[in-house]
């Protein structure tokens, strides 16, 4: 967790029963609207990764882009979008993952990385971990080395971060919410 983790967590809004009854949606919009909180969020990632020799930040479509672009800028490395299938105009490679009710696919350009590039994978939230894990596998398949997977919010009760760790990838979350919070 970040030194700003408790503060950032306090700014994130919980919306009960959205998008369906029984779900507590963790809304990062207030975090983005508050310039001091947004700066502390980006700083949390910058301070963690500034000395890790990162070659690229790979951010997951679409909320991962919000953190990924300014982080790549601050780290002085490239930014690579990991997109939903069909959104990239050049040759792509893809990875399919399972959703609660079906499958989805993420992809990136086939020339996004060089073999051995050190990649940080970023998204806004880890729930079941499917999207983050698919992105990490895709980067590994492309020849990149996943340094770590990073997120604003982890929902540990859903087991995603544990699933990512069990697959051999490190996980960093700025803050976490349990189901009863």
Protein backbone atom coordinates (compact mmCIF):
# COMPACT_ATOMS: atom_id res chain seq x y z
CA UNK A 1 0.00 0.00 0.00
CA UNK A 2 1.11 3.58 -0.69
CA UNK A 3 1.91 6.13 2.02
CA UNK A 4 -1.07 8.00 0.59
CA UNK A 5 -3.25 4.88 0.55
CA UNK A 6 -5.57 5.82 3.40
CA UNK A 7 -6.06 9.32 2.04
CA UNK A 8 -6.76 8.09 -1.50
CA UNK A 9 -9.16 5.47 -0.15
CA UNK A 10 -11.05 8.20 1.72
CA UNK A 11 -11.60 10.12 -1.53
CA UNK A 12 -12.97 7.13 -3.49
CA UNK A 13 -16.77 7.04 -3.43
CA UNK A 14 -18.67 3.83 -2.70
CA UNK A 15 -21.95 3.56 -4.63
CA UNK A 16 -24.12 0.84 -3.05
CA UNK A 17 -26.19 -1.47 -5.22
CA UNK A 18 -24.65 -0.38 -8.51
CA UNK A 19 -24.65 -1.69 -11.20
CA UNK A 20 -26.81 -4.30 -9.51
CA UNK A 21 -28.17 -5.03 -6.02
CA UNK A 22 -25.54 -6.23 -3.56
CA UNK A 23 -22.58 -4.66 -5.41
CA UNK A 24 -20.61 -1.82 -3.82
CA UNK A 25 -19.15 0.06 -6.79
CA UNK A 26 -15.84 1.84 -6.04
CA UNK A 27 -16.06 5.10 -7.98
CA UNK A 28 -12.69 6.76 -8.66
CA UNK A 29 -14.30 9.86 -10.23
CA UNK A 30 -13.94 11.98 -7.02
CA UNK A 31 -10.26 11.02 -6.95
CA UNK A 32 -9.83 12.37 -10.49
CA UNK A 33 -11.81 15.55 -9.74
CA UNK A 34 -9.67 16.40 -6.70
CA UNK A 35 -6.35 17.77 -8.02
CA UNK A 36 -4.48 17.16 -4.74
CA UNK A 37 -5.74 13.58 -4.52
CA UNK A 38 -4.95 12.88 -8.18
CA UNK A 39 -1.41 14.21 -7.70
CA UNK A 40 -0.93 12.00 -4.64
CA UNK A 41 -2.23 9.03 -6.63
CA UNK A 42 0.23 9.54 -9.48
CA UNK A 43 3.02 10.27 -6.97
CA UNK A 44 2.25 6.97 -5.22
CA UNK A 45 3.10 5.11 -8.42
CA UNK A 46 6.03 7.36 -9.38
CA UNK A 47 7.71 6.95 -6.00
CA UNK A 48 7.35 3.18 -6.18
CA UNK A 49 8.69 2.78 -9.74
CA UNK A 50 11.10 5.67 -10.33
CA UNK A 51 14.20 3.56 -9.67
CA UNK A 52 12.99 0.28 -11.21
CA UNK A 53 14.25 0.89 -14.75
CA UNK A 54 10.85 0.56 -16.43
CA UNK A 55 10.87 0.57 -20.27
CA UNK A 56 7.11 0.92 -20.75
CA UNK A 57 3.85 1.33 -18.89
CA UNK A 58 1.17 -0.92 -20.38
CA UNK A 59 -2.22 0.43 -19.33
CA UNK A 60 -5.47 -1.47 -19.65
CA UNK A 61 -8.43 -0.02 -21.56
CA UNK A 62 -9.86 2.36 -20.52
CA UNK A 63 -9.51 3.59 -16.93
CA UNK A 64 -5.95 2.27 -16.75
CA UNK A 65 -5.08 4.94 -19.33
CA UNK A 66 -5.94 7.66 -16.78
CA UNK A 67 -3.05 6.56 -14.56
CA UNK A 68 -0.82 4.98 -17.18
CA UNK A 69 -0.18 8.01 -19.39
CA UNK A 70 0.93 10.47 -16.69
CA UNK A 71 2.92 7.70 -15.00
CA UNK A 72 4.80 6.87 -18.20
CA UNK A 73 5.50 10.57 -18.68
CA UNK A 74 6.86 10.93 -15.13
CA UNK A 75 8.97 7.77 -15.45
CA UNK A 76 10.36 8.86 -18.82
CA UNK A 77 9.26 5.66 -20.56
CA UNK A 78 6.85 4.68 -23.30
CA UNK A 79 3.11 4.22 -22.92
CA UNK A 80 1.44 1.18 -24.47
CA UNK A 81 -2.34 0.78 -24.53
CA UNK A 82 -3.75 -2.70 -23.91
CA UNK A 83 -7.09 -2.45 -25.70
CA UNK A 84 -10.31 -4.36 -26.02
CA UNK A 85 -10.40 -6.49 -29.16
CA UNK A 86 -10.89 -4.60 -32.41
CA UNK A 87 -9.73 -1.17 -31.19
CA UNK A 88 -6.15 -1.14 -32.52
CA UNK A 89 -5.41 -0.33 -36.19
CA UNK A 90 -2.18 -2.30 -36.75
CA UNK A 91 -1.18 -5.97 -36.45
CA UNK A 92 -2.08 -7.24 -32.99
CA UNK A 93 -1.66 -10.17 -30.65
CA UNK A 94 -4.46 -11.04 -28.26
CA UNK A 95 -5.30 -12.93 -25.09
CA UNK A 96 -8.71 -14.30 -24.21
CA UNK A 97 -9.93 -14.45 -20.62
CA UNK A 98 -13.05 -15.68 -18.88
CA UNK A 99 -15.75 -13.40 -17.54
CA UNK A 100 -18.58 -14.38 -15.22
CA UNK A 101 -20.86 -14.84 -18.24
CA UNK A 102 -18.60 -15.55 -21.21
CA UNK A 103 -15.25 -14.44 -22.54
CA UNK A 104 -13.47 -11.23 -23.47
CA UNK A 105 -10.25 -10.45 -25.25
CA UNK A 106 -7.49 -7.85 -24.89
CA UNK A 107 -4.86 -7.06 -27.47
CA UNK A 108 -1.83 -4.94 -28.16
CA UNK A 109 0.21 -4.07 -31.23
CA UNK A 110 2.58 -6.84 -32.21
CA UNK A 111 5.50 -4.36 -32.19
CA UNK A 112 4.69 -2.78 -28.81
CA UNK A 113 7.76 -4.14 -27.02
CA UNK A 114 11.26 -5.41 -27.68
CA UNK A 115 12.34 -8.73 -26.21
CA UNK A 116 13.35 -8.23 -22.59
CA UNK A 117 11.65 -4.84 -22.13
CA UNK A 118 10.68 -4.24 -18.51
CA UNK A 119 6.96 -3.54 -18.39
CA UNK A 120 4.69 -2.19 -15.67
CA UNK A 121 1.03 -3.19 -16.18
CA UNK A 122 -1.52 -0.68 -14.82
CA UNK A 123 -5.29 -0.67 -14.35
CA UNK A 124 -7.72 1.11 -12.05
CA UNK A 125 -9.01 -1.89 -10.09
CA UNK A 126 -8.41 -5.59 -9.50
CA UNK A 127 -11.59 -7.57 -8.84
CA UNK A 128 -11.38 -11.15 -10.11
CA UNK A 129 -8.08 -10.39 -11.84
CA UNK A 130 -9.03 -11.70 -15.28
CA UNK A 131 -8.22 -8.59 -17.28
CA UNK A 132 -4.94 -7.85 -15.50
CA UNK A 133 -3.83 -11.47 -15.77
CA UNK A 134 -4.70 -11.58 -19.48
CA UNK A 135 -2.70 -8.38 -20.07
CA UNK A 136 0.30 -9.76 -18.13
CA UNK A 137 0.21 -13.02 -20.09
CA UNK A 138 -0.06 -11.10 -23.36
CA UNK A 139 2.98 -8.98 -22.49
CA UNK A 140 4.96 -12.04 -21.46
CA UNK A 141 4.04 -13.76 -24.75
CA UNK A 142 5.18 -10.68 -26.67
CA UNK A 143 8.66 -10.96 -25.10
CA UNK A 144 8.23 -8.31 -22.44
CA UNK A 145 9.11 -8.89 -18.79
CA UNK A 146 6.31 -7.89 -16.41
CA UNK A 147 7.99 -6.07 -13.54
CA UNK A 148 4.74 -5.73 -11.61
CA UNK A 149 1.00 -5.30 -11.98
CA UNK A 150 -0.28 -2.11 -10.37
CA UNK A 151 -3.71 -0.77 -9.54
CA UNK A 152 -5.44 1.99 -7.64
CA UNK A 153 -7.89 -0.35 -5.86
CA UNK A 154 -7.70 -4.01 -4.93
CA UNK A 155 -10.84 -5.90 -3.91
CA UNK A 156 -9.15 -8.77 -2.03
CA UNK A 157 -12.41 -10.57 -1.17
CA UNK A 158 -12.84 -11.32 -4.90
CA UNK A 159 -9.44 -13.06 -5.05
CA UNK A 160 -8.04 -11.37 -8.15
CA UNK A 161 -4.74 -10.19 -6.69
CA UNK A 162 -4.11 -13.63 -5.22
CA UNK A 163 -4.86 -15.24 -8.58
CA UNK A 164 -2.37 -12.88 -10.28
CA UNK A 165 0.30 -13.69 -7.67
CA UNK A 166 -0.32 -17.41 -8.09
CA UNK A 167 0.35 -16.97 -11.82
CA UNK A 168 3.79 -15.58 -10.91
CA UNK A 169 3.22 -11.82 -11.16
CA UNK A 170 3.77 -9.28 -8.40
CA UNK A 171 0.86 -7.01 -7.42
CA UNK A 172 0.85 -3.48 -6.00
CA UNK A 173 -2.33 -1.66 -4.98
CA UNK A 174 -2.49 1.90 -3.67
CA UNK A 175 -5.45 0.91 -1.46
CA UNK A 176 -7.93 -1.91 -0.96
CA UNK A 177 -11.55 -2.32 0.03
CA UNK A 178 -13.08 -5.37 1.66
CA UNK A 179 -16.74 -6.21 1.03
CA UNK A 180 -17.82 -4.83 4.42
CA UNK A 181 -16.13 -1.42 3.94
